[in-house]
Amino acid sequence: MVPAFTFPIVSDKITKTSQGAAMASSESITSPGYGRVRWRRFGIVMLPAAAVAVVLIGLTARGAVAASFSVSGQQFIVTANKLSGTGFEQYGSSYQEANGKTQPVAVSVIRNATLSNLCQSVKVMGMTLRITAGSGSTPVTASNLVVGATDLSGDATFQNISVGQDASTLSQVPGDVGQVGTFGQQASAVSITGVRQVAWSTTAGTFKLPGFHLQIGGAAC
C-alpha cells in the first residue's frame, strides 16, 4: 500500500455547520432526510472542534473509541479533480499517536471509490514528498476506503442521504459503524469535484494507482 494515501483536505473555503454538527451550507435539499443533495463549497465538520475533542478524548480514555494503528503525528494534503463513490458513511472518531496524544477526526468511509488526477503531499525532513496518480484516462480506484480527516472541501452531490443517523446503525459499508448514540450520516452515492483534504490517515482494502509517481521536492498539492 502507498504510505498514508487518501482522497480525502486544508479547505480554503469557509463553510457553515448545520445545527452545530455535520455538513456545510447547502444550496438545495429535496428532503429533510433522504434524497438528492447538492452542496457547493462543501466542507465537513462533524462537531465544533472544541466539543468534538472533549467528547472523543473522553471516549478514548474509557476505551470506547479504537484506532487501527498509531498515526504519525503529521497530517498530509490530498487533492483530486473528482471523487465518485458508492456506499458512503461519515461519523466522528479519534486516532492516537505513538506518544499517546489523541486526535479527533471525521471518518469518511466509501465502499467503492474512483478518483481522477489524485495528488498527495506531506513534508518529510523539511522537503515535500509528492505522490500523483490517475492523471490519464484511467482513474485511481479503491475499495473499502477509510479516511480520518480534519478538513474536506469541494462541490458535492449525495444520493439518498440520511443526516443525523445514529452512527452505530450506519449500513452503507457493511461492518463499518461508529459509536452508539453519536452523530452519523450516510448516502448511497457521493460525487465531489475539486476535492481538497487534510487527513491523518487512509486505509483501503485495495488501492490501485495507475500512473503512480513519487517525487521529493517541488510544490505541495
N, C-alpha and C. Protein backbone atom coordinates (compact mmCIF):
# COMPACT_ATOMS: atom_id res chain seq x y z
N MET A 1 0.84 -1.22 0.00
CA MET A 1 0.00 0.00 0.00
C MET A 1 0.86 1.25 0.00
N VAL A 2 0.44 2.26 -0.69
CA VAL A 2 1.14 3.55 -0.68
C VAL A 2 1.03 4.14 0.69
N PRO A 3 2.09 4.70 1.29
CA PRO A 3 2.02 5.20 2.66
C PRO A 3 1.03 6.33 2.79
N ALA A 4 0.09 6.12 3.73
CA ALA A 4 -0.83 7.18 4.14
C ALA A 4 -1.50 7.90 3.01
N PHE A 5 -2.12 7.14 2.09
CA PHE A 5 -2.76 7.79 0.93
C PHE A 5 -4.22 8.04 1.21
N THR A 6 -4.79 9.14 0.78
CA THR A 6 -6.22 9.40 0.93
C THR A 6 -6.79 10.12 -0.24
N PHE A 7 -8.10 10.21 -0.26
CA PHE A 7 -8.73 11.05 -1.25
C PHE A 7 -9.00 12.39 -0.66
N PRO A 8 -9.26 11.88 0.47
CA PRO A 8 -9.75 12.95 1.26
C PRO A 8 -8.94 13.89 1.33
N ILE A 9 -7.67 17.17 3.25
CA ILE A 9 -8.06 18.41 2.54
C ILE A 9 -7.58 19.63 3.31
N VAL A 10 -6.40 21.05 3.38
CA VAL A 10 -6.94 22.15 4.17
C VAL A 10 -7.91 22.90 3.28
N SER A 11 -9.09 23.12 3.74
CA SER A 11 -10.07 23.81 2.92
C SER A 11 -9.77 25.29 2.88
N ASP A 12 -9.82 25.84 1.67
CA ASP A 12 -9.64 27.27 1.53
C ASP A 12 -10.99 27.96 1.41
N LYS A 13 -12.05 27.24 1.75
CA LYS A 13 -13.37 27.81 1.70
C LYS A 13 -14.00 27.71 3.07
N ILE A 14 -14.69 28.76 3.47
CA ILE A 14 -15.30 28.79 4.77
C ILE A 14 -16.72 28.29 4.65
N THR A 15 -17.12 27.30 5.48
CA THR A 15 -18.45 26.75 5.42
C THR A 15 -19.14 26.91 6.75
N LYS A 16 -20.44 26.81 6.70
CA LYS A 16 -21.25 26.90 7.90
C LYS A 16 -21.68 25.51 8.31
N THR A 17 -21.65 25.19 9.59
CA THR A 17 -22.11 23.90 10.05
C THR A 17 -23.62 23.93 10.21
N SER A 18 -24.22 22.76 10.02
CA SER A 18 -25.67 22.63 10.14
C SER A 18 -26.01 22.08 11.50
N GLN A 19 -26.72 22.87 12.34
CA GLN A 19 -27.14 22.53 13.67
C GLN A 19 -25.96 22.12 14.50
N GLY A 20 -24.85 22.82 14.38
CA GLY A 20 -23.66 22.56 15.17
C GLY A 20 -23.06 21.21 14.90
N ALA A 21 -23.43 20.59 13.78
CA ALA A 21 -22.91 19.25 13.54
C ALA A 21 -22.40 19.08 12.16
N ALA A 22 -23.11 18.39 11.29
CA ALA A 22 -22.48 17.70 10.19
C ALA A 22 -22.00 18.55 9.06
N MET A 23 -22.84 18.77 8.02
CA MET A 23 -22.33 19.22 6.75
C MET A 23 -22.35 20.73 6.64
N ALA A 24 -21.73 21.23 5.55
CA ALA A 24 -21.69 22.65 5.30
C ALA A 24 -22.99 23.12 4.69
N SER A 25 -23.05 24.46 4.41
CA SER A 25 -24.27 25.06 3.90
C SER A 25 -24.68 24.44 2.60
N SER A 26 -25.98 24.22 2.43
CA SER A 26 -26.49 23.57 1.23
C SER A 26 -27.19 24.57 0.34
N GLU A 27 -27.14 24.30 -0.97
CA GLU A 27 -27.86 25.12 -1.90
C GLU A 27 -29.28 24.62 -2.06
N SER A 28 -29.47 23.29 -2.08
CA SER A 28 -30.82 22.76 -2.20
C SER A 28 -30.88 21.40 -1.56
N ILE A 29 -31.99 21.13 -0.87
CA ILE A 29 -32.22 19.84 -0.26
C ILE A 29 -33.62 19.41 -0.64
N THR A 30 -33.75 18.27 -1.26
CA THR A 30 -35.06 17.85 -1.74
C THR A 30 -35.87 17.20 -0.65
N SER A 31 -35.24 16.75 0.45
CA SER A 31 -35.96 16.11 1.54
C SER A 31 -35.18 16.33 2.80
N PRO A 32 -35.85 16.41 4.00
CA PRO A 32 -35.12 16.62 5.25
C PRO A 32 -34.15 15.52 5.54
N GLY A 33 -34.44 14.27 5.14
CA GLY A 33 -33.57 13.18 5.50
C GLY A 33 -33.04 12.39 4.33
N TYR A 34 -33.83 12.30 3.25
CA TYR A 34 -33.45 11.43 2.16
C TYR A 34 -33.59 12.14 0.82
N GLY A 35 -32.80 11.70 -0.17
CA GLY A 35 -32.93 12.26 -1.49
C GLY A 35 -31.62 12.76 -2.03
N ARG A 36 -31.70 13.55 -3.07
CA ARG A 36 -30.52 14.08 -3.74
C ARG A 36 -30.16 15.44 -3.14
N VAL A 37 -28.92 15.60 -2.77
CA VAL A 37 -28.47 16.83 -2.12
C VAL A 37 -27.23 17.34 -2.83
N ARG A 38 -27.22 18.63 -3.15
CA ARG A 38 -26.04 19.25 -3.73
C ARG A 38 -25.48 20.27 -2.74
N TRP A 39 -24.18 20.22 -2.53
CA TRP A 39 -23.50 21.24 -1.75
C TRP A 39 -22.43 21.88 -2.60
N ARG A 40 -22.47 23.19 -2.72
CA ARG A 40 -21.32 23.91 -3.24
C ARG A 40 -20.50 24.36 -2.05
N ARG A 41 -19.20 24.46 -2.28
CA ARG A 41 -18.27 24.85 -1.22
C ARG A 41 -18.46 23.92 -0.03
N PHE A 42 -18.58 22.64 -0.36
CA PHE A 42 -18.81 21.60 0.64
C PHE A 42 -17.65 21.52 1.61
N GLY A 43 -17.94 21.39 2.90
CA GLY A 43 -16.93 21.17 3.91
C GLY A 43 -17.50 20.35 5.03
N ILE A 44 -16.76 19.33 5.54
CA ILE A 44 -17.29 18.52 6.62
C ILE A 44 -16.73 18.97 7.94
N VAL A 45 -17.62 19.13 8.89
CA VAL A 45 -17.25 19.40 10.28
C VAL A 45 -18.23 18.60 11.12
N MET A 46 -17.79 17.51 11.72
CA MET A 46 -18.70 16.63 12.43
C MET A 46 -19.30 17.31 13.66
N LEU A 47 -18.49 18.05 14.38
CA LEU A 47 -18.93 18.81 15.55
C LEU A 47 -17.98 19.98 15.68
N PRO A 48 -18.36 21.05 16.42
CA PRO A 48 -17.39 22.11 16.69
C PRO A 48 -16.12 21.52 17.27
N ALA A 49 -14.98 22.06 16.86
CA ALA A 49 -13.68 21.43 17.17
C ALA A 49 -13.48 21.20 18.65
N ALA A 50 -13.76 22.20 19.47
CA ALA A 50 -13.51 22.05 20.91
C ALA A 50 -14.40 20.97 21.50
N ALA A 51 -15.66 20.95 21.09
CA ALA A 51 -16.59 19.97 21.63
C ALA A 51 -16.21 18.56 21.23
N VAL A 52 -15.88 18.36 19.94
CA VAL A 52 -15.55 17.02 19.49
C VAL A 52 -14.28 16.51 20.15
N ALA A 53 -13.32 17.40 20.40
CA ALA A 53 -12.08 16.98 21.05
C ALA A 53 -12.37 16.47 22.45
N VAL A 54 -13.18 17.21 23.21
CA VAL A 54 -13.50 16.81 24.58
C VAL A 54 -14.24 15.48 24.58
N VAL A 55 -15.26 15.34 23.72
CA VAL A 55 -16.07 14.13 23.68
C VAL A 55 -15.24 12.92 23.28
N LEU A 56 -14.47 13.06 22.19
CA LEU A 56 -13.73 11.91 21.68
C LEU A 56 -12.57 11.51 22.57
N ILE A 57 -11.89 12.48 23.15
CA ILE A 57 -10.80 12.15 24.06
C ILE A 57 -11.34 11.42 25.27
N GLY A 58 -12.53 11.86 25.75
CA GLY A 58 -13.15 11.17 26.86
C GLY A 58 -13.52 9.75 26.51
N LEU A 59 -14.07 9.53 25.31
CA LEU A 59 -14.42 8.19 24.88
C LEU A 59 -13.19 7.30 24.77
N THR A 60 -12.10 7.87 24.24
CA THR A 60 -10.87 7.09 24.10
C THR A 60 -10.32 6.68 25.45
N ALA A 61 -10.38 7.61 26.42
CA ALA A 61 -9.88 7.30 27.76
C ALA A 61 -10.64 6.14 28.38
N ARG A 62 -11.93 5.98 28.02
CA ARG A 62 -12.74 4.89 28.56
C ARG A 62 -12.69 3.66 27.67
N GLY A 63 -11.90 3.73 26.59
CA GLY A 63 -11.77 2.58 25.70
C GLY A 63 -12.90 2.42 24.73
N ALA A 64 -13.74 3.47 24.54
CA ALA A 64 -14.90 3.36 23.68
C ALA A 64 -14.58 3.60 22.23
N VAL A 65 -13.48 4.26 21.94
CA VAL A 65 -13.10 4.55 20.56
C VAL A 65 -11.75 3.91 20.29
N ALA A 66 -11.69 3.11 19.26
CA ALA A 66 -10.44 2.41 18.95
C ALA A 66 -9.89 2.92 17.63
N ALA A 67 -8.57 2.95 17.51
CA ALA A 67 -7.90 3.28 16.26
C ALA A 67 -7.15 2.05 15.79
N SER A 68 -7.08 1.85 14.48
CA SER A 68 -6.47 0.63 13.95
C SER A 68 -4.95 0.66 14.05
N PHE A 69 -4.35 1.85 14.10
CA PHE A 69 -2.90 1.96 14.24
C PHE A 69 -2.57 3.35 14.76
N SER A 70 -1.35 3.53 15.22
CA SER A 70 -0.90 4.84 15.71
C SER A 70 -0.55 5.72 14.52
N VAL A 71 -1.15 6.91 14.47
CA VAL A 71 -0.84 7.82 13.36
C VAL A 71 0.48 8.53 13.63
N SER A 72 1.04 9.13 12.58
CA SER A 72 2.40 9.64 12.64
C SER A 72 2.54 10.94 13.43
N GLY A 73 1.43 11.65 13.64
CA GLY A 73 1.52 12.97 14.27
C GLY A 73 1.71 14.07 13.26
N GLN A 74 1.63 13.73 11.98
CA GLN A 74 1.78 14.71 10.90
C GLN A 74 0.68 14.50 9.87
N GLN A 75 -0.07 15.56 9.59
CA GLN A 75 -1.14 15.46 8.61
C GLN A 75 -0.59 15.64 7.19
N PHE A 76 -1.38 15.20 6.21
CA PHE A 76 -1.00 15.33 4.81
C PHE A 76 -2.17 15.87 4.01
N ILE A 77 -1.87 16.44 2.85
CA ILE A 77 -2.87 17.06 1.98
C ILE A 77 -3.12 16.15 0.78
N VAL A 78 -4.39 16.02 0.42
CA VAL A 78 -4.76 15.25 -0.76
C VAL A 78 -5.72 16.08 -1.59
N THR A 79 -5.51 16.10 -2.90
CA THR A 79 -6.43 16.76 -3.82
C THR A 79 -6.77 15.80 -4.95
N ALA A 80 -7.91 16.05 -5.59
CA ALA A 80 -8.32 15.28 -6.77
C ALA A 80 -9.29 16.13 -7.56
N ASN A 81 -9.26 15.95 -8.88
CA ASN A 81 -10.23 16.67 -9.71
C ASN A 81 -11.65 16.23 -9.41
N LYS A 82 -11.82 14.92 -9.19
CA LYS A 82 -13.15 14.41 -8.91
C LYS A 82 -13.06 13.10 -8.13
N LEU A 83 -13.96 12.96 -7.17
CA LEU A 83 -14.14 11.72 -6.42
C LEU A 83 -15.57 11.24 -6.65
N SER A 84 -15.72 9.98 -7.04
CA SER A 84 -17.04 9.36 -7.17
C SER A 84 -17.03 8.08 -6.37
N GLY A 85 -18.14 7.83 -5.67
CA GLY A 85 -18.18 6.62 -4.87
C GLY A 85 -19.58 6.11 -4.63
N THR A 86 -19.68 4.83 -4.33
CA THR A 86 -20.94 4.22 -3.91
C THR A 86 -20.76 3.68 -2.50
N GLY A 87 -21.80 3.87 -1.69
CA GLY A 87 -21.72 3.45 -0.31
C GLY A 87 -20.87 4.39 0.51
N PHE A 88 -21.48 5.44 1.07
CA PHE A 88 -20.74 6.49 1.79
C PHE A 88 -21.25 6.58 3.22
N GLU A 89 -20.32 6.63 4.18
CA GLU A 89 -20.64 6.84 5.60
C GLU A 89 -19.69 7.87 6.18
N GLN A 90 -20.16 8.54 7.23
CA GLN A 90 -19.31 9.52 7.91
C GLN A 90 -19.73 9.62 9.38
N TYR A 91 -18.73 9.66 10.26
CA TYR A 91 -19.01 9.75 11.69
C TYR A 91 -17.75 10.24 12.41
N GLY A 92 -17.90 10.63 13.66
CA GLY A 92 -16.77 11.13 14.44
C GLY A 92 -16.03 10.00 15.15
N SER A 93 -14.73 10.17 15.28
CA SER A 93 -13.92 9.19 16.00
C SER A 93 -12.64 9.90 16.44
N SER A 94 -11.64 9.13 16.81
CA SER A 94 -10.34 9.71 17.17
C SER A 94 -9.24 8.73 16.85
N TYR A 95 -8.06 9.27 16.54
CA TYR A 95 -6.87 8.47 16.30
C TYR A 95 -5.83 8.80 17.35
N GLN A 96 -4.97 7.85 17.61
CA GLN A 96 -3.95 8.04 18.64
C GLN A 96 -2.56 8.00 18.03
N GLU A 97 -1.73 8.97 18.43
CA GLU A 97 -0.33 8.99 18.01
C GLU A 97 0.47 8.02 18.88
N ALA A 98 1.67 7.70 18.44
CA ALA A 98 2.53 6.77 19.18
C ALA A 98 2.88 7.31 20.56
N ASN A 99 2.88 8.64 20.71
CA ASN A 99 3.19 9.23 22.01
C ASN A 99 1.99 9.30 22.94
N GLY A 100 0.84 8.77 22.49
CA GLY A 100 -0.35 8.74 23.31
C GLY A 100 -1.32 9.88 23.08
N LYS A 101 -0.92 10.89 22.34
CA LYS A 101 -1.79 12.03 22.07
C LYS A 101 -2.94 11.62 21.16
N THR A 102 -4.14 12.08 21.49
CA THR A 102 -5.33 11.72 20.73
C THR A 102 -5.74 12.84 19.79
N GLN A 103 -6.10 12.46 18.56
CA GLN A 103 -6.51 13.43 17.54
C GLN A 103 -7.95 13.15 17.11
N PRO A 104 -8.89 14.09 17.35
CA PRO A 104 -10.26 13.90 16.87
C PRO A 104 -10.32 14.01 15.36
N VAL A 105 -11.13 13.17 14.73
CA VAL A 105 -11.23 13.16 13.27
C VAL A 105 -12.67 12.94 12.84
N ALA A 106 -12.97 13.32 11.60
CA ALA A 106 -14.18 12.91 10.91
C ALA A 106 -13.79 11.73 10.01
N VAL A 107 -14.39 10.59 10.27
CA VAL A 107 -14.09 9.39 9.48
C VAL A 107 -15.05 9.31 8.30
N SER A 108 -14.51 9.27 7.09
CA SER A 108 -15.31 9.09 5.88
C SER A 108 -14.99 7.72 5.30
N VAL A 109 -16.03 6.94 5.04
CA VAL A 109 -15.87 5.58 4.53
C VAL A 109 -16.61 5.46 3.20
N ILE A 110 -15.95 4.93 2.18
CA ILE A 110 -16.57 4.72 0.87
C ILE A 110 -16.34 3.27 0.45
N ARG A 111 -17.42 2.58 0.14
CA ARG A 111 -17.30 1.16 -0.22
C ARG A 111 -16.51 0.98 -1.51
N ASN A 112 -16.84 1.77 -2.54
CA ASN A 112 -16.09 1.73 -3.81
C ASN A 112 -15.90 3.16 -4.29
N ALA A 113 -14.65 3.55 -4.60
CA ALA A 113 -14.36 4.93 -4.96
C ALA A 113 -13.45 4.99 -6.18
N THR A 114 -13.65 6.03 -6.99
CA THR A 114 -12.72 6.36 -8.07
C THR A 114 -12.32 7.82 -7.92
N LEU A 115 -11.07 8.12 -8.23
CA LEU A 115 -10.54 9.48 -8.10
C LEU A 115 -9.71 9.80 -9.33
N SER A 116 -9.94 10.96 -9.91
CA SER A 116 -9.17 11.39 -11.08
C SER A 116 -8.16 12.45 -10.68
N ASN A 117 -6.96 12.33 -11.27
CA ASN A 117 -5.87 13.29 -11.04
C ASN A 117 -5.61 13.47 -9.54
N LEU A 118 -5.27 12.40 -8.89
CA LEU A 118 -5.02 12.39 -7.45
C LEU A 118 -3.63 12.90 -7.13
N CYS A 119 -3.54 13.70 -6.08
CA CYS A 119 -2.25 14.22 -5.62
C CYS A 119 -2.22 14.20 -4.10
N GLN A 120 -1.11 13.73 -3.54
CA GLN A 120 -0.90 13.74 -2.10
C GLN A 120 0.46 14.36 -1.80
N SER A 121 0.53 15.20 -0.79
CA SER A 121 1.81 15.78 -0.40
C SER A 121 1.92 15.88 1.10
N VAL A 122 3.17 15.76 1.58
CA VAL A 122 3.47 15.85 3.00
C VAL A 122 4.91 16.30 3.14
N LYS A 123 5.22 17.01 4.21
CA LYS A 123 6.59 17.43 4.48
C LYS A 123 7.36 16.32 5.17
N VAL A 124 8.52 15.97 4.65
CA VAL A 124 9.38 14.95 5.23
C VAL A 124 10.77 15.53 5.38
N MET A 125 11.20 15.75 6.61
CA MET A 125 12.52 16.31 6.91
C MET A 125 12.73 17.63 6.16
N GLY A 126 11.68 18.44 6.13
CA GLY A 126 11.76 19.75 5.52
C GLY A 126 11.54 19.78 4.02
N MET A 127 11.40 18.61 3.40
CA MET A 127 11.18 18.52 1.96
C MET A 127 9.77 18.03 1.68
N THR A 128 9.22 18.42 0.54
CA THR A 128 7.90 17.97 0.15
C THR A 128 7.99 16.61 -0.54
N LEU A 129 7.26 15.64 -0.01
CA LEU A 129 7.11 14.35 -0.67
C LEU A 129 5.76 14.39 -1.38
N ARG A 130 5.76 14.23 -2.68
CA ARG A 130 4.56 14.40 -3.50
C ARG A 130 4.30 13.13 -4.29
N ILE A 131 3.07 12.64 -4.24
CA ILE A 131 2.66 11.45 -4.97
C ILE A 131 1.49 11.82 -5.87
N THR A 132 1.56 11.42 -7.13
CA THR A 132 0.46 11.65 -8.06
C THR A 132 0.08 10.33 -8.74
N ALA A 133 -1.17 10.24 -9.18
CA ALA A 133 -1.66 9.05 -9.88
C ALA A 133 -3.00 9.38 -10.52
N GLY A 134 -3.39 8.57 -11.50
CA GLY A 134 -4.70 8.72 -12.11
C GLY A 134 -4.88 9.97 -12.94
N SER A 135 -3.80 10.48 -13.50
CA SER A 135 -3.89 11.71 -14.29
C SER A 135 -4.25 11.43 -15.75
N GLY A 136 -4.19 10.18 -16.17
CA GLY A 136 -4.53 9.83 -17.55
C GLY A 136 -6.00 9.44 -17.67
N SER A 137 -6.28 8.53 -18.60
CA SER A 137 -7.65 8.11 -18.84
C SER A 137 -8.16 7.11 -17.82
N THR A 138 -7.25 6.50 -17.06
CA THR A 138 -7.64 5.51 -16.05
C THR A 138 -7.54 6.12 -14.66
N PRO A 139 -8.64 6.22 -13.92
CA PRO A 139 -8.60 6.85 -12.60
C PRO A 139 -8.06 5.91 -11.53
N VAL A 140 -7.74 6.48 -10.39
CA VAL A 140 -7.42 5.71 -9.20
C VAL A 140 -8.69 5.03 -8.70
N THR A 141 -8.59 3.79 -8.26
CA THR A 141 -9.74 3.10 -7.69
C THR A 141 -9.38 2.55 -6.32
N ALA A 142 -10.38 2.49 -5.44
CA ALA A 142 -10.17 1.97 -4.09
C ALA A 142 -11.44 1.30 -3.61
N SER A 143 -11.27 0.26 -2.80
CA SER A 143 -12.41 -0.39 -2.15
C SER A 143 -12.26 -0.28 -0.64
N ASN A 144 -13.40 -0.15 0.04
CA ASN A 144 -13.40 0.00 1.50
C ASN A 144 -12.41 1.06 1.94
N LEU A 145 -12.53 2.22 1.34
CA LEU A 145 -11.64 3.35 1.63
C LEU A 145 -12.08 4.03 2.92
N VAL A 146 -11.16 4.19 3.86
CA VAL A 146 -11.44 4.81 5.15
C VAL A 146 -10.44 5.95 5.36
N VAL A 147 -10.97 7.16 5.53
CA VAL A 147 -10.12 8.33 5.69
C VAL A 147 -10.46 9.04 7.00
N GLY A 148 -9.45 9.30 7.80
CA GLY A 148 -9.61 10.09 9.02
C GLY A 148 -9.08 11.49 8.76
N ALA A 149 -9.98 12.46 8.60
CA ALA A 149 -9.60 13.81 8.18
C ALA A 149 -10.09 14.86 9.17
N THR A 150 -9.47 16.02 9.10
CA THR A 150 -9.94 17.17 9.87
C THR A 150 -10.56 18.23 8.97
N ASP A 151 -10.40 18.10 7.67
CA ASP A 151 -10.97 19.08 6.75
C ASP A 151 -11.15 18.45 5.37
N LEU A 152 -12.32 18.67 4.79
CA LEU A 152 -12.63 18.16 3.46
C LEU A 152 -13.51 19.18 2.75
N SER A 153 -13.15 19.54 1.51
CA SER A 153 -13.95 20.53 0.79
C SER A 153 -14.05 20.18 -0.68
N GLY A 154 -15.04 20.76 -1.34
CA GLY A 154 -15.29 20.54 -2.76
C GLY A 154 -16.75 20.80 -3.06
N ASP A 155 -17.16 20.58 -4.31
CA ASP A 155 -18.57 20.70 -4.71
C ASP A 155 -19.14 19.29 -4.73
N ALA A 156 -20.12 19.03 -3.85
CA ALA A 156 -20.55 17.67 -3.60
C ALA A 156 -22.01 17.43 -3.96
N THR A 157 -22.29 16.22 -4.43
CA THR A 157 -23.65 15.75 -4.66
C THR A 157 -23.80 14.39 -3.99
N PHE A 158 -24.86 14.24 -3.17
CA PHE A 158 -25.13 12.98 -2.49
C PHE A 158 -26.46 12.42 -2.96
N GLN A 159 -26.54 11.10 -3.06
CA GLN A 159 -27.77 10.42 -3.42
C GLN A 159 -28.31 9.68 -2.19
N ASN A 160 -29.61 9.84 -1.93
CA ASN A 160 -30.28 9.13 -0.83
C ASN A 160 -29.54 9.33 0.49
N ILE A 161 -29.36 10.58 0.87
CA ILE A 161 -28.58 10.90 2.06
C ILE A 161 -29.46 10.90 3.30
N SER A 162 -28.89 10.44 4.39
CA SER A 162 -29.53 10.45 5.71
C SER A 162 -28.57 11.13 6.68
N VAL A 163 -28.97 12.30 7.20
CA VAL A 163 -28.11 13.09 8.08
C VAL A 163 -28.65 13.02 9.51
N GLY A 164 -27.77 12.82 10.46
CA GLY A 164 -28.18 12.76 11.86
C GLY A 164 -28.54 11.36 12.32
N GLN A 165 -28.18 10.36 11.57
CA GLN A 165 -28.45 8.97 11.94
C GLN A 165 -27.49 8.52 13.03
N ASP A 166 -27.96 7.67 13.94
CA ASP A 166 -27.08 7.11 14.97
C ASP A 166 -25.93 6.39 14.27
N ALA A 167 -24.72 6.74 14.64
CA ALA A 167 -23.55 6.21 13.93
C ALA A 167 -23.42 4.70 14.04
N SER A 168 -24.01 4.11 15.07
CA SER A 168 -23.91 2.67 15.24
C SER A 168 -24.84 1.90 14.30
N THR A 169 -25.76 2.63 13.61
CA THR A 169 -26.72 1.97 12.72
C THR A 169 -26.42 2.21 11.24
N LEU A 170 -25.30 2.82 10.92
CA LEU A 170 -24.93 3.05 9.52
C LEU A 170 -24.79 1.72 8.80
N SER A 171 -25.22 1.68 7.53
CA SER A 171 -25.30 0.39 6.84
C SER A 171 -24.77 0.40 5.41
N GLN A 172 -24.25 1.54 4.93
CA GLN A 172 -23.80 1.61 3.54
C GLN A 172 -22.50 0.84 3.31
N VAL A 173 -21.69 0.69 4.34
CA VAL A 173 -20.45 -0.09 4.23
C VAL A 173 -20.50 -1.17 5.31
N PRO A 174 -20.85 -2.38 4.95
CA PRO A 174 -21.02 -3.44 5.94
C PRO A 174 -19.80 -3.60 6.84
N GLY A 175 -20.07 -3.67 8.15
CA GLY A 175 -19.00 -3.89 9.11
C GLY A 175 -18.30 -2.65 9.60
N ASP A 176 -18.68 -1.47 9.07
CA ASP A 176 -18.04 -0.22 9.49
C ASP A 176 -19.09 0.72 10.06
N VAL A 177 -19.08 0.91 11.37
CA VAL A 177 -20.04 1.78 12.05
C VAL A 177 -19.32 2.59 13.11
N GLY A 178 -20.01 3.64 13.59
CA GLY A 178 -19.48 4.47 14.67
C GLY A 178 -20.02 4.02 16.02
N GLN A 179 -19.88 4.91 17.02
CA GLN A 179 -20.28 4.60 18.38
C GLN A 179 -21.79 4.81 18.58
N VAL A 180 -22.37 4.03 19.46
CA VAL A 180 -23.79 4.16 19.79
C VAL A 180 -24.07 5.55 20.35
N GLY A 181 -25.14 6.18 19.85
CA GLY A 181 -25.56 7.47 20.37
C GLY A 181 -24.81 8.67 19.82
N THR A 182 -23.92 8.46 18.84
CA THR A 182 -23.17 9.57 18.26
C THR A 182 -23.67 9.88 16.86
N PHE A 183 -23.34 11.08 16.41
CA PHE A 183 -23.82 11.57 15.11
C PHE A 183 -23.21 10.78 13.96
N GLY A 184 -24.04 10.50 12.96
CA GLY A 184 -23.56 9.87 11.75
C GLY A 184 -24.39 10.31 10.55
N GLN A 185 -23.89 10.05 9.37
CA GLN A 185 -24.63 10.32 8.15
C GLN A 185 -24.16 9.35 7.08
N GLN A 186 -25.05 9.06 6.12
CA GLN A 186 -24.69 8.13 5.06
C GLN A 186 -25.48 8.46 3.80
N ALA A 187 -24.97 7.97 2.67
CA ALA A 187 -25.61 8.17 1.38
C ALA A 187 -25.30 6.96 0.50
N SER A 188 -26.19 6.69 -0.45
CA SER A 188 -25.95 5.55 -1.34
C SER A 188 -24.86 5.85 -2.35
N ALA A 189 -24.66 7.14 -2.68
CA ALA A 189 -23.62 7.53 -3.63
C ALA A 189 -23.16 8.95 -3.33
N VAL A 190 -21.93 9.25 -3.70
CA VAL A 190 -21.36 10.58 -3.49
C VAL A 190 -20.50 10.96 -4.68
N SER A 191 -20.53 12.24 -5.05
CA SER A 191 -19.65 12.77 -6.09
C SER A 191 -19.15 14.14 -5.63
N ILE A 192 -17.84 14.32 -5.60
CA ILE A 192 -17.25 15.59 -5.17
C ILE A 192 -16.23 16.02 -6.22
N THR A 193 -16.39 17.22 -6.73
CA THR A 193 -15.40 17.79 -7.66
C THR A 193 -14.57 18.83 -6.92
N GLY A 194 -13.32 19.01 -7.35
CA GLY A 194 -12.43 19.95 -6.69
C GLY A 194 -12.12 19.52 -5.27
N VAL A 195 -11.81 18.25 -5.07
CA VAL A 195 -11.57 17.70 -3.74
C VAL A 195 -10.26 18.23 -3.17
N ARG A 196 -10.35 18.64 -1.91
CA ARG A 196 -9.15 19.03 -1.16
C ARG A 196 -9.33 18.60 0.28
N GLN A 197 -8.33 17.93 0.83
CA GLN A 197 -8.48 17.34 2.15
C GLN A 197 -7.19 17.41 2.97
N VAL A 198 -7.37 17.53 4.27
CA VAL A 198 -6.27 17.39 5.22
C VAL A 198 -6.59 16.19 6.10
N ALA A 199 -5.72 15.20 6.14
CA ALA A 199 -6.03 13.94 6.80
C ALA A 199 -4.90 13.46 7.68
N TRP A 200 -5.27 12.60 8.63
CA TRP A 200 -4.30 11.92 9.47
C TRP A 200 -3.94 10.55 8.91
N SER A 201 -4.91 9.89 8.27
CA SER A 201 -4.62 8.54 7.79
C SER A 201 -5.61 8.12 6.71
N THR A 202 -5.22 7.09 5.97
CA THR A 202 -6.07 6.44 4.99
C THR A 202 -5.78 4.95 5.01
N THR A 203 -6.84 4.15 4.97
CA THR A 203 -6.68 2.72 4.77
C THR A 203 -7.65 2.30 3.67
N ALA A 204 -7.36 1.17 3.03
CA ALA A 204 -8.24 0.65 1.98
C ALA A 204 -8.02 -0.84 1.84
N GLY A 205 -9.10 -1.52 1.39
CA GLY A 205 -8.95 -2.94 1.09
C GLY A 205 -8.04 -3.14 -0.11
N THR A 206 -8.31 -2.38 -1.17
CA THR A 206 -7.42 -2.32 -2.34
C THR A 206 -7.29 -0.87 -2.76
N PHE A 207 -6.12 -0.52 -3.30
CA PHE A 207 -5.87 0.84 -3.78
C PHE A 207 -5.04 0.72 -5.06
N LYS A 208 -5.66 0.98 -6.21
CA LYS A 208 -4.97 0.86 -7.49
C LYS A 208 -4.62 2.26 -7.99
N LEU A 209 -3.33 2.47 -8.31
CA LEU A 209 -2.80 3.79 -8.63
C LEU A 209 -2.13 3.79 -10.02
N PRO A 210 -2.91 3.89 -11.08
CA PRO A 210 -2.30 3.93 -12.42
C PRO A 210 -1.51 5.22 -12.63
N GLY A 211 -0.37 5.10 -13.27
CA GLY A 211 0.47 6.28 -13.50
C GLY A 211 1.10 6.81 -12.23
N PHE A 212 1.34 5.93 -11.25
CA PHE A 212 1.92 6.34 -9.97
C PHE A 212 3.26 7.03 -10.14
N HIS A 213 3.45 8.17 -9.43
CA HIS A 213 4.72 8.89 -9.49
C HIS A 213 5.01 9.50 -8.12
N LEU A 214 6.17 9.19 -7.55
CA LEU A 214 6.60 9.74 -6.28
C LEU A 214 7.78 10.68 -6.54
N GLN A 215 7.73 11.87 -5.94
CA GLN A 215 8.77 12.87 -6.16
C GLN A 215 9.12 13.56 -4.84
N ILE A 216 10.41 13.77 -4.62
CA ILE A 216 10.89 14.55 -3.48
C ILE A 216 11.22 15.95 -3.97
N GLY A 217 10.65 16.94 -3.32
CA GLY A 217 10.88 18.33 -3.72
C GLY A 217 9.73 18.84 -4.58
N GLY A 218 9.74 20.13 -4.80
CA GLY A 218 8.68 20.72 -5.58
C GLY A 218 7.55 21.26 -4.71
N ALA A 219 6.46 21.65 -5.35
CA ALA A 219 5.35 22.26 -4.65
C ALA A 219 4.44 21.23 -4.04
N ALA A 220 3.74 21.63 -2.97
CA ALA A 220 2.72 20.79 -2.38
C ALA A 220 1.50 20.74 -3.29
N CYS A 221 0.60 19.80 -3.02
CA CYS A 221 -0.61 19.65 -3.82
C CYS A 221 -1.52 20.87 -3.61
